[in-house]
């Protein structure tokens, strides 16, 4: 196992998830629920499943498209979506 990749992935995902809508939704569920363990297990299970899907699809796509193109495409999509959100913030 490549521990450098594991810790880098953990750190990046951990920082990316802090304060995002998923964490805020989990916060809200825990605040209104008496069974916090159920909220934790549901949120953890959902994150594990979405991560599994990302790894499976990322692995499959990387067989068809070189990783540097995937990184460039993901970066470009991130910038485009950010610009779109800035220019078209939605209904007011």
PDB file of N, CA and C in Angstrom:
ATOM      1  N   UNK A   1       0.848  -1.182   0.000  1.00  0.00           N
ATOM      2  CA  UNK A   1       0.000   0.000   0.000  1.00  0.00           C
ATOM      3  C   UNK A   1       0.890   1.240   0.000  1.00  0.00           C
ATOM      4  N   UNK A   2       0.486   2.222  -0.770  1.00  0.00           N
ATOM      5  CA  UNK A   2       1.231   3.479  -0.858  1.00  0.00           C
ATOM      6  C   UNK A   2       0.658   4.452   0.183  1.00  0.00           C
ATOM      7  N   UNK A   3       1.341   4.551   1.320  1.00  0.00           N
ATOM      8  CA  UNK A   3       0.841   5.393   2.417  1.00  0.00           C
ATOM      9  C   UNK A   3       0.870   6.876   2.065  1.00  0.00           C
ATOM     10  N   UNK A   4       1.821   7.285   1.237  1.00  0.00           N
ATOM     11  CA  UNK A   4       1.866   8.691   0.831  1.00  0.00           C
ATOM     12  C   UNK A   4       0.588   9.065   0.078  1.00  0.00           C
ATOM     13  N   UNK A   5       0.176   8.205  -0.861  1.00  0.00           N
ATOM     14  CA  UNK A   5      -1.065   8.456  -1.603  1.00  0.00           C
ATOM     15  C   UNK A   5      -2.264   8.429  -0.657  1.00  0.00           C
ATOM     16  N   UNK A   6      -2.268   7.467   0.264  1.00  0.00           N
ATOM     17  CA  UNK A   6      -3.389   7.357   1.197  1.00  0.00           C
ATOM     18  C   UNK A   6      -3.511   8.614   2.069  1.00  0.00           C
ATOM     19  N   UNK A   7      -2.403   9.075   2.645  1.00  0.00           N
ATOM     20  CA  UNK A   7      -2.463  10.247   3.521  1.00  0.00           C
ATOM     21  C   UNK A   7      -2.739  11.530   2.733  1.00  0.00           C
ATOM     22  N   UNK A   8      -2.206  11.622   1.525  1.00  0.00           N
ATOM     23  CA  UNK A   8      -2.490  12.787   0.684  1.00  0.00           C
ATOM     24  C   UNK A   8      -3.969  12.829   0.327  1.00  0.00           C
ATOM     25  N   UNK A   9      -4.516  11.685  -0.061  1.00  0.00           N
ATOM     26  CA  UNK A   9      -5.939  11.611  -0.381  1.00  0.00           C
ATOM     27  C   UNK A   9      -6.787  11.961   0.832  1.00  0.00           C
ATOM     28  N   UNK A  10      -6.427  11.383   1.986  1.00  0.00           N
ATOM     29  CA  UNK A  10      -7.175  11.683   3.214  1.00  0.00           C
ATOM     30  C   UNK A  10      -7.151  13.187   3.493  1.00  0.00           C
ATOM     31  N   UNK A  11      -5.978  13.778   3.452  1.00  0.00           N
ATOM     32  CA  UNK A  11      -5.856  15.205   3.764  1.00  0.00           C
ATOM     33  C   UNK A  11      -6.642  16.088   2.813  1.00  0.00           C
ATOM     34  N   UNK A  12      -6.553  15.801   1.525  1.00  0.00           N
ATOM     35  CA  UNK A  12      -7.259  16.633   0.542  1.00  0.00           C
ATOM     36  C   UNK A  12      -8.775  16.483   0.664  1.00  0.00           C
ATOM     37  N   UNK A  13      -9.246  15.256   0.826  1.00  0.00           N
ATOM     38  CA  UNK A  13     -10.691  15.044   0.956  1.00  0.00           C
ATOM     39  C   UNK A  13     -11.199  15.623   2.269  1.00  0.00           C
ATOM     40  N   UNK A  14     -10.441  15.439   3.344  1.00  0.00           N
ATOM     41  CA  UNK A  14     -10.839  15.986   4.639  1.00  0.00           C
ATOM     42  C   UNK A  14     -10.985  17.503   4.565  1.00  0.00           C
ATOM     43  N   UNK A  15      -9.992  18.178   3.988  1.00  0.00           N
ATOM     44  CA  UNK A  15     -10.057  19.637   3.884  1.00  0.00           C
ATOM     45  C   UNK A  15     -11.179  20.080   2.946  1.00  0.00           C
ATOM     46  N   UNK A  16     -11.382  19.343   1.861  1.00  0.00           N
ATOM     47  CA  UNK A  16     -12.430  19.706   0.911  1.00  0.00           C
ATOM     48  C   UNK A  16     -13.824  19.543   1.513  1.00  0.00           C
ATOM     49  N   UNK A  17     -13.984  18.576   2.405  1.00  0.00           N
ATOM     50  CA  UNK A  17     -15.296  18.298   2.986  1.00  0.00           C
ATOM     51  C   UNK A  17     -15.637  19.210   4.163  1.00  0.00           C
ATOM     52  N   UNK A  18     -14.648  19.857   4.763  1.00  0.00           N
ATOM     53  CA  UNK A  18     -14.928  20.733   5.910  1.00  0.00           C
ATOM     54  C   UNK A  18     -15.830  21.886   5.481  1.00  0.00           C
ATOM     55  N   UNK A  19     -16.958  22.001   6.137  1.00  0.00           N
ATOM     56  CA  UNK A  19     -17.853  23.129   5.889  1.00  0.00           C
ATOM     57  C   UNK A  19     -18.638  23.046   4.593  1.00  0.00           C
ATOM     58  N   UNK A  20     -18.600  21.932   3.889  1.00  0.00           N
ATOM     59  CA  UNK A  20     -19.376  21.851   2.656  1.00  0.00           C
ATOM     60  C   UNK A  20     -20.815  21.472   2.970  1.00  0.00           C
ATOM     61  N   UNK A  21     -21.636  21.413   1.937  1.00  0.00           N
ATOM     62  CA  UNK A  21     -23.064  21.170   2.161  1.00  0.00           C
ATOM     63  C   UNK A  21     -23.353  19.800   2.756  1.00  0.00           C
ATOM     64  N   UNK A  22     -22.491  18.814   2.470  1.00  0.00           N
ATOM     65  CA  UNK A  22     -22.686  17.489   3.057  1.00  0.00           C
ATOM     66  C   UNK A  22     -22.485  17.540   4.570  1.00  0.00           C
ATOM     67  N   UNK A  23     -21.445  18.221   5.004  1.00  0.00           N
ATOM     68  CA  UNK A  23     -21.192  18.326   6.441  1.00  0.00           C
ATOM     69  C   UNK A  23     -22.298  19.124   7.116  1.00  0.00           C
ATOM     70  N   UNK A  24     -22.767  20.174   6.473  1.00  0.00           N
ATOM     71  CA  UNK A  24     -23.842  20.978   7.058  1.00  0.00           C
ATOM     72  C   UNK A  24     -25.148  20.185   7.137  1.00  0.00           C
ATOM     73  N   UNK A  25     -25.420  19.358   6.127  1.00  0.00           N
ATOM     74  CA  UNK A  25     -26.618  18.514   6.171  1.00  0.00           C
ATOM     75  C   UNK A  25     -26.510  17.498   7.302  1.00  0.00           C
ATOM     76  N   UNK A  26     -25.334  16.898   7.454  1.00  0.00           N
ATOM     77  CA  UNK A  26     -25.128  15.936   8.544  1.00  0.00           C
ATOM     78  C   UNK A  26     -25.279  16.626   9.895  1.00  0.00           C
ATOM     79  N   UNK A  27     -24.756  17.827  10.004  1.00  0.00           N
ATOM     80  CA  UNK A  27     -24.892  18.642  11.215  1.00  0.00           C
ATOM     81  C   UNK A  27     -26.370  18.850  11.549  1.00  0.00           C
ATOM     82  N   UNK A  28     -27.152  19.207  10.526  1.00  0.00           N
ATOM     83  CA  UNK A  28     -28.580  19.453  10.742  1.00  0.00           C
ATOM     84  C   UNK A  28     -29.312  18.171  11.148  1.00  0.00           C
ATOM     85  N   UNK A  29     -28.991  17.054  10.487  1.00  0.00           N
ATOM     86  CA  UNK A  29     -29.618  15.779  10.858  1.00  0.00           C
ATOM     87  C   UNK A  29     -29.273  15.412  12.301  1.00  0.00           C
ATOM     88  N   UNK A  30     -28.012  15.586  12.691  1.00  0.00           N
ATOM     89  CA  UNK A  30     -27.601  15.240  14.051  1.00  0.00           C
ATOM     90  C   UNK A  30     -28.261  16.150  15.081  1.00  0.00           C
ATOM     91  N   UNK A  31     -28.467  17.406  14.723  1.00  0.00           N
ATOM     92  CA  UNK A  31     -29.082  18.351  15.652  1.00  0.00           C
ATOM     93  C   UNK A  31     -30.532  17.999  15.945  1.00  0.00           C
ATOM     94  N   UNK A  32     -31.238  17.441  14.966  1.00  0.00           N
ATOM     95  CA  UNK A  32     -32.657  17.155  15.181  1.00  0.00           C
ATOM     96  C   UNK A  32     -32.941  15.692  15.496  1.00  0.00           C
ATOM     97  N   UNK A  33     -31.906  14.863  15.528  1.00  0.00           N
ATOM     98  CA  UNK A  33     -32.108  13.438  15.763  1.00  0.00           C
ATOM     99  C   UNK A  33     -31.635  13.033  17.154  1.00  0.00           C
ATOM    100  N   UNK A  34     -32.342  12.094  17.742  1.00  0.00           N
ATOM    101  CA  UNK A  34     -31.905  11.554  19.027  1.00  0.00           C
ATOM    102  C   UNK A  34     -30.940  10.389  18.826  1.00  0.00           C
ATOM    103  N   UNK A  35     -30.918   9.831  17.627  1.00  0.00           N
ATOM    104  CA  UNK A  35     -30.032   8.700  17.332  1.00  0.00           C
ATOM    105  C   UNK A  35     -28.859   9.182  16.474  1.00  0.00           C
ATOM    106  N   UNK A  36     -27.910   9.789  17.149  1.00  0.00           N
ATOM    107  CA  UNK A  36     -26.762  10.356  16.443  1.00  0.00           C
ATOM    108  C   UNK A  36     -25.901   9.278  15.792  1.00  0.00           C
ATOM    109  N   UNK A  37     -25.875   8.086  16.376  1.00  0.00           N
ATOM    110  CA  UNK A  37     -25.113   6.993  15.779  1.00  0.00           C
ATOM    111  C   UNK A  37     -25.689   6.642  14.403  1.00  0.00           C
ATOM    112  N   UNK A  38     -27.017   6.648  14.284  1.00  0.00           N
ATOM    113  CA  UNK A  38     -27.646   6.367  12.994  1.00  0.00           C
ATOM    114  C   UNK A  38     -27.279   7.438  11.964  1.00  0.00           C
ATOM    115  N   UNK A  39     -27.233   8.694  12.406  1.00  0.00           N
ATOM    116  CA  UNK A  39     -26.828   9.783  11.503  1.00  0.00           C
ATOM    117  C   UNK A  39     -25.380   9.584  11.071  1.00  0.00           C
ATOM    118  N   UNK A  40     -24.512   9.264  12.008  1.00  0.00           N
ATOM    119  CA  UNK A  40     -23.102   9.039  11.682  1.00  0.00           C
ATOM    120  C   UNK A  40     -22.949   7.882  10.703  1.00  0.00           C
ATOM    121  N   UNK A  41     -23.610   6.754  10.986  1.00  0.00           N
ATOM    122  CA  UNK A  41     -23.482   5.584  10.117  1.00  0.00           C
ATOM    123  C   UNK A  41     -24.058   5.854   8.724  1.00  0.00           C
ATOM    124  N   UNK A  42     -25.162   6.564   8.659  1.00  0.00           N
ATOM    125  CA  UNK A  42     -25.735   6.915   7.356  1.00  0.00           C
ATOM    126  C   UNK A  42     -24.821   7.830   6.560  1.00  0.00           C
ATOM    127  N   UNK A  43     -24.279   8.861   7.214  1.00  0.00           N
ATOM    128  CA  UNK A  43     -23.388   9.795   6.522  1.00  0.00           C
ATOM    129  C   UNK A  43     -22.082   9.114   6.113  1.00  0.00           C
ATOM    130  N   UNK A  44     -21.529   8.315   7.017  1.00  0.00           N
ATOM    131  CA  UNK A  44     -20.276   7.615   6.710  1.00  0.00           C
ATOM    132  C   UNK A  44     -20.483   6.610   5.578  1.00  0.00           C
ATOM    133  N   UNK A  45     -21.596   5.891   5.611  1.00  0.00           N
ATOM    134  CA  UNK A  45     -21.891   4.933   4.553  1.00  0.00           C
ATOM    135  C   UNK A  45     -22.050   5.606   3.197  1.00  0.00           C
ATOM    136  N   UNK A  46     -22.724   6.762   3.187  1.00  0.00           N
ATOM    137  CA  UNK A  46     -22.909   7.497   1.929  1.00  0.00           C
ATOM    138  C   UNK A  46     -21.571   7.978   1.383  1.00  0.00           C
ATOM    139  N   UNK A  47     -20.700   8.489   2.257  1.00  0.00           N
ATOM    140  CA  UNK A  47     -19.394   8.959   1.809  1.00  0.00           C
ATOM    141  C   UNK A  47     -18.542   7.806   1.295  1.00  0.00           C
ATOM    142  N   UNK A  48     -18.617   6.665   1.963  1.00  0.00           N
ATOM    143  CA  UNK A  48     -17.869   5.487   1.510  1.00  0.00           C
ATOM    144  C   UNK A  48     -18.375   5.035   0.139  1.00  0.00           C
ATOM    145  N   UNK A  49     -19.693   4.996  -0.044  1.00  0.00           N
ATOM    146  CA  UNK A  49     -20.250   4.551  -1.316  1.00  0.00           C
ATOM    147  C   UNK A  49     -19.887   5.519  -2.450  1.00  0.00           C
ATOM    148  N   UNK A  50     -20.005   6.824  -2.212  1.00  0.00           N
ATOM    149  CA  UNK A  50     -19.651   7.774  -3.266  1.00  0.00           C
ATOM    150  C   UNK A  50     -18.158   7.712  -3.578  1.00  0.00           C
ATOM    151  N   UNK A  51     -17.337   7.483  -2.564  1.00  0.00           N
ATOM    152  CA  UNK A  51     -15.897   7.335  -2.801  1.00  0.00           C
ATOM    153  C   UNK A  51     -15.603   6.066  -3.604  1.00  0.00           C
ATOM    154  N   UNK A  52     -16.305   4.986  -3.285  1.00  0.00           N
ATOM    155  CA  UNK A  52     -16.138   3.740  -4.039  1.00  0.00           C
ATOM    156  C   UNK A  52     -16.500   3.945  -5.507  1.00  0.00           C
ATOM    157  N   UNK A  53     -17.622   4.611  -5.756  1.00  0.00           N
ATOM    158  CA  UNK A  53     -18.028   4.884  -7.129  1.00  0.00           C
ATOM    159  C   UNK A  53     -16.987   5.734  -7.858  1.00  0.00           C
ATOM    160  N   UNK A  54     -16.441   6.736  -7.170  1.00  0.00           N
ATOM    161  CA  UNK A  54     -15.425   7.587  -7.789  1.00  0.00           C
ATOM    162  C   UNK A  54     -14.179   6.787  -8.138  1.00  0.00           C
ATOM    163  N   UNK A  55     -13.755   5.892  -7.252  1.00  0.00           N
ATOM    164  CA  UNK A  55     -12.565   5.072  -7.514  1.00  0.00           C
ATOM    165  C   UNK A  55     -12.822   4.114  -8.674  1.00  0.00           C
ATOM    166  N   UNK A  56     -13.973   3.458  -8.680  1.00  0.00           N
ATOM    167  CA  UNK A  56     -14.288   2.498  -9.744  1.00  0.00           C
ATOM    168  C   UNK A  56     -14.367   3.209 -11.097  1.00  0.00           C
ATOM    169  N   UNK A  57     -15.128   4.295 -11.169  1.00  0.00           N
ATOM    170  CA  UNK A  57     -15.266   5.005 -12.436  1.00  0.00           C
ATOM    171  C   UNK A  57     -13.964   5.700 -12.835  1.00  0.00           C
ATOM    172  N   UNK A  58     -13.235   6.246 -11.857  1.00  0.00           N
ATOM    173  CA  UNK A  58     -11.948   6.867 -12.162  1.00  0.00           C
ATOM    174  C   UNK A  58     -10.959   5.874 -12.733  1.00  0.00           C
ATOM    175  N   UNK A  59     -10.958   4.671 -12.176  1.00  0.00           N
ATOM    176  CA  UNK A  59     -10.085   3.609 -12.678  1.00  0.00           C
ATOM    177  C   UNK A  59     -10.476   3.212 -14.096  1.00  0.00           C
ATOM    178  N   UNK A  60     -11.774   3.089 -14.350  1.00  0.00           N
ATOM    179  CA  UNK A  60     -12.243   2.699 -15.685  1.00  0.00           C
ATOM    180  C   UNK A  60     -11.941   3.784 -16.715  1.00  0.00           C
ATOM    181  N   UNK A  61     -12.202   5.027 -16.347  1.00  0.00           N
ATOM    182  CA  UNK A  61     -11.969   6.133 -17.281  1.00  0.00           C
ATOM    183  C   UNK A  61     -10.472   6.290 -17.573  1.00  0.00           C
ATOM    184  N   UNK A  62      -9.634   6.044 -16.569  1.00  0.00           N
ATOM    185  CA  UNK A  62      -8.192   6.216 -16.774  1.00  0.00           C
ATOM    186  C   UNK A  62      -7.616   5.185 -17.748  1.00  0.00           C
ATOM    187  N   UNK A  63      -8.347   4.112 -18.002  1.00  0.00           N
ATOM    188  CA  UNK A  63      -7.902   3.145 -19.017  1.00  0.00           C
ATOM    189  C   UNK A  63      -8.154   3.660 -20.419  1.00  0.00           C
ATOM    190  N   UNK A  64      -9.115   4.574 -20.557  1.00  0.00           N
ATOM    191  CA  UNK A  64      -9.473   5.118 -21.863  1.00  0.00           C
ATOM    192  C   UNK A  64      -8.849   6.479 -22.136  1.00  0.00           C
ATOM    193  N   UNK A  65      -8.686   7.263 -21.072  1.00  0.00           N
ATOM    194  CA  UNK A  65      -8.185   8.629 -21.203  1.00  0.00           C
ATOM    195  C   UNK A  65      -6.960   8.784 -20.317  1.00  0.00           C
ATOM    196  N   UNK A  66      -5.871   9.367 -20.822  1.00  0.00           N
ATOM    197  CA  UNK A  66      -4.677   9.552 -19.998  1.00  0.00           C
ATOM    198  C   UNK A  66      -4.969  10.438 -18.768  1.00  0.00           C
ATOM    199  N   UNK A  67      -4.354  10.106 -17.621  1.00  0.00           N
ATOM    200  CA  UNK A  67      -4.620  10.858 -16.384  1.00  0.00           C
ATOM    201  C   UNK A  67      -4.380  12.365 -16.488  1.00  0.00           C
ATOM    202  N   UNK A  68      -3.392  12.794 -17.267  1.00  0.00           N
ATOM    203  CA  UNK A  68      -3.152  14.242 -17.375  1.00  0.00           C
ATOM    204  C   UNK A  68      -4.326  14.940 -18.075  1.00  0.00           C
ATOM    205  N   UNK A  69      -4.991  14.268 -19.020  1.00  0.00           N
ATOM    206  CA  UNK A  69      -6.176  14.849 -19.647  1.00  0.00           C
ATOM    207  C   UNK A  69      -7.345  14.896 -18.667  1.00  0.00           C
ATOM    208  N   UNK A  70      -7.459  13.891 -17.839  1.00  0.00           N
ATOM    209  CA  UNK A  70      -8.524  13.868 -16.830  1.00  0.00           C
ATOM    210  C   UNK A  70      -8.326  15.022 -15.849  1.00  0.00           C
ATOM    211  N   UNK A  71      -7.075  15.219 -15.387  1.00  0.00           N
ATOM    212  CA  UNK A  71      -6.794  16.329 -14.459  1.00  0.00           C
ATOM    213  C   UNK A  71      -7.078  17.679 -15.108  1.00  0.00           C
ATOM    214  N   UNK A  72      -6.648  17.843 -16.360  1.00  0.00           N
ATOM    215  CA  UNK A  72      -6.888  19.106 -17.059  1.00  0.00           C
ATOM    216  C   UNK A  72      -8.380  19.338 -17.260  1.00  0.00           C
ATOM    217  N   UNK A  73      -9.105  18.290 -17.640  1.00  0.00           N
ATOM    218  CA  UNK A  73     -10.550  18.417 -17.827  1.00  0.00           C
ATOM    219  C   UNK A  73     -11.276  18.733 -16.527  1.00  0.00           C
ATOM    220  N   UNK A  74     -10.874  18.059 -15.446  1.00  0.00           N
ATOM    221  CA  UNK A  74     -11.503  18.321 -14.146  1.00  0.00           C
ATOM    222  C   UNK A  74     -11.220  19.752 -13.694  1.00  0.00           C
ATOM    223  N   UNK A  75      -9.984  20.203 -13.894  1.00  0.00           N
ATOM    224  CA  UNK A  75      -9.635  21.579 -13.527  1.00  0.00           C
ATOM    225  C   UNK A  75     -10.413  22.594 -14.341  1.00  0.00           C
ATOM    226  N   UNK A  76     -10.520  22.366 -15.649  1.00  0.00           N
ATOM    227  CA  UNK A  76     -11.264  23.279 -16.513  1.00  0.00           C
ATOM    228  C   UNK A  76     -12.746  23.292 -16.128  1.00  0.00           C
ATOM    229  N   UNK A  77     -13.309  22.122 -15.854  1.00  0.00           N
ATOM    230  CA  UNK A  77     -14.712  22.052 -15.448  1.00  0.00           C
ATOM    231  C   UNK A  77     -14.938  22.781 -14.123  1.00  0.00           C
ATOM    232  N   UNK A  78     -14.007  22.622 -13.187  1.00  0.00           N
ATOM    233  CA  UNK A  78     -14.105  23.308 -11.901  1.00  0.00           C
ATOM    234  C   UNK A  78     -14.116  24.824 -12.100  1.00  0.00           C
ATOM    235  N   UNK A  79     -13.216  25.332 -12.942  1.00  0.00           N
ATOM    236  CA  UNK A  79     -13.146  26.773 -13.209  1.00  0.00           C
ATOM    237  C   UNK A  79     -14.418  27.243 -13.912  1.00  0.00           C
ATOM    238  N   UNK A  80     -14.875  26.492 -14.910  1.00  0.00           N
ATOM    239  CA  UNK A  80     -16.093  26.884 -15.632  1.00  0.00           C
ATOM    240  C   UNK A  80     -17.311  26.914 -14.718  1.00  0.00           C
ATOM    241  N   UNK A  81     -17.459  25.908 -13.875  1.00  0.00           N
ATOM    242  CA  UNK A  81     -18.590  25.902 -12.942  1.00  0.00           C
ATOM    243  C   UNK A  81     -18.498  27.055 -11.945  1.00  0.00           C
ATOM    244  N   UNK A  82     -17.287  27.360 -11.491  1.00  0.00           N
ATOM    245  CA  UNK A  82     -17.100  28.496 -10.590  1.00  0.00           C
ATOM    246  C   UNK A  82     -17.495  29.808 -11.252  1.00  0.00           C
ATOM    247  N   UNK A  83     -17.056  29.989 -12.492  1.00  0.00           N
ATOM    248  CA  UNK A  83     -17.427  31.209 -13.229  1.00  0.00           C
ATOM    249  C   UNK A  83     -18.934  31.280 -13.460  1.00  0.00           C
ATOM    250  N   UNK A  84     -19.529  30.135 -13.796  1.00  0.00           N
ATOM    251  CA  UNK A  84     -20.970  30.093 -14.017  1.00  0.00           C
ATOM    252  C   UNK A  84     -21.711  30.497 -12.756  1.00  0.00           C
ATOM    253  N   UNK A  85     -21.267  29.996 -11.604  1.00  0.00           N
ATOM    254  CA  UNK A  85     -21.925  30.346 -10.340  1.00  0.00           C
ATOM    255  C   UNK A  85     -21.745  31.820  -9.996  1.00  0.00           C
ATOM    256  N   UNK A  86     -20.600  32.379 -10.357  1.00  0.00           N
ATOM    257  CA  UNK A  86     -20.383  33.805 -10.101  1.00  0.00           C
ATOM    258  C   UNK A  86     -21.232  34.679 -11.018  1.00  0.00           C
ATOM    259  N   UNK A  87     -21.324  34.293 -12.295  1.00  0.00           N
ATOM    260  CA  UNK A  87     -22.050  35.108 -13.277  1.00  0.00           C
ATOM    261  C   UNK A  87     -23.562  34.912 -13.216  1.00  0.00           C
ATOM    262  N   UNK A  88     -24.010  33.710 -12.875  1.00  0.00           N
ATOM    263  CA  UNK A  88     -25.434  33.386 -12.813  1.00  0.00           C
ATOM    264  C   UNK A  88     -25.756  32.787 -11.447  1.00  0.00           C
ATOM    265  N   UNK A  89     -25.837  33.635 -10.410  1.00  0.00           N
ATOM    266  CA  UNK A  89     -25.997  33.114  -9.047  1.00  0.00           C
ATOM    267  C   UNK A  89     -27.361  32.486  -8.768  1.00  0.00           C
ATOM    268  N   UNK A  90     -28.272  32.544  -9.699  1.00  0.00           N
ATOM    269  CA  UNK A  90     -29.590  31.945  -9.474  1.00  0.00           C
ATOM    270  C   UNK A  90     -30.647  32.994  -9.216  1.00  0.00           C
ATOM    271  N   UNK A  91     -31.832  32.518  -8.923  1.00  0.00           N
ATOM    272  CA  UNK A  91     -32.952  33.419  -8.673  1.00  0.00           C
ATOM    273  C   UNK A  91     -32.748  34.184  -7.388  1.00  0.00           C
ATOM    274  N   UNK A  92     -33.171  35.444  -7.435  1.00  0.00           N
ATOM    275  CA  UNK A  92     -33.043  36.304  -6.244  1.00  0.00           C
ATOM    276  C   UNK A  92     -34.389  36.640  -5.693  1.00  0.00           C
TER     277      UNK A  92
END
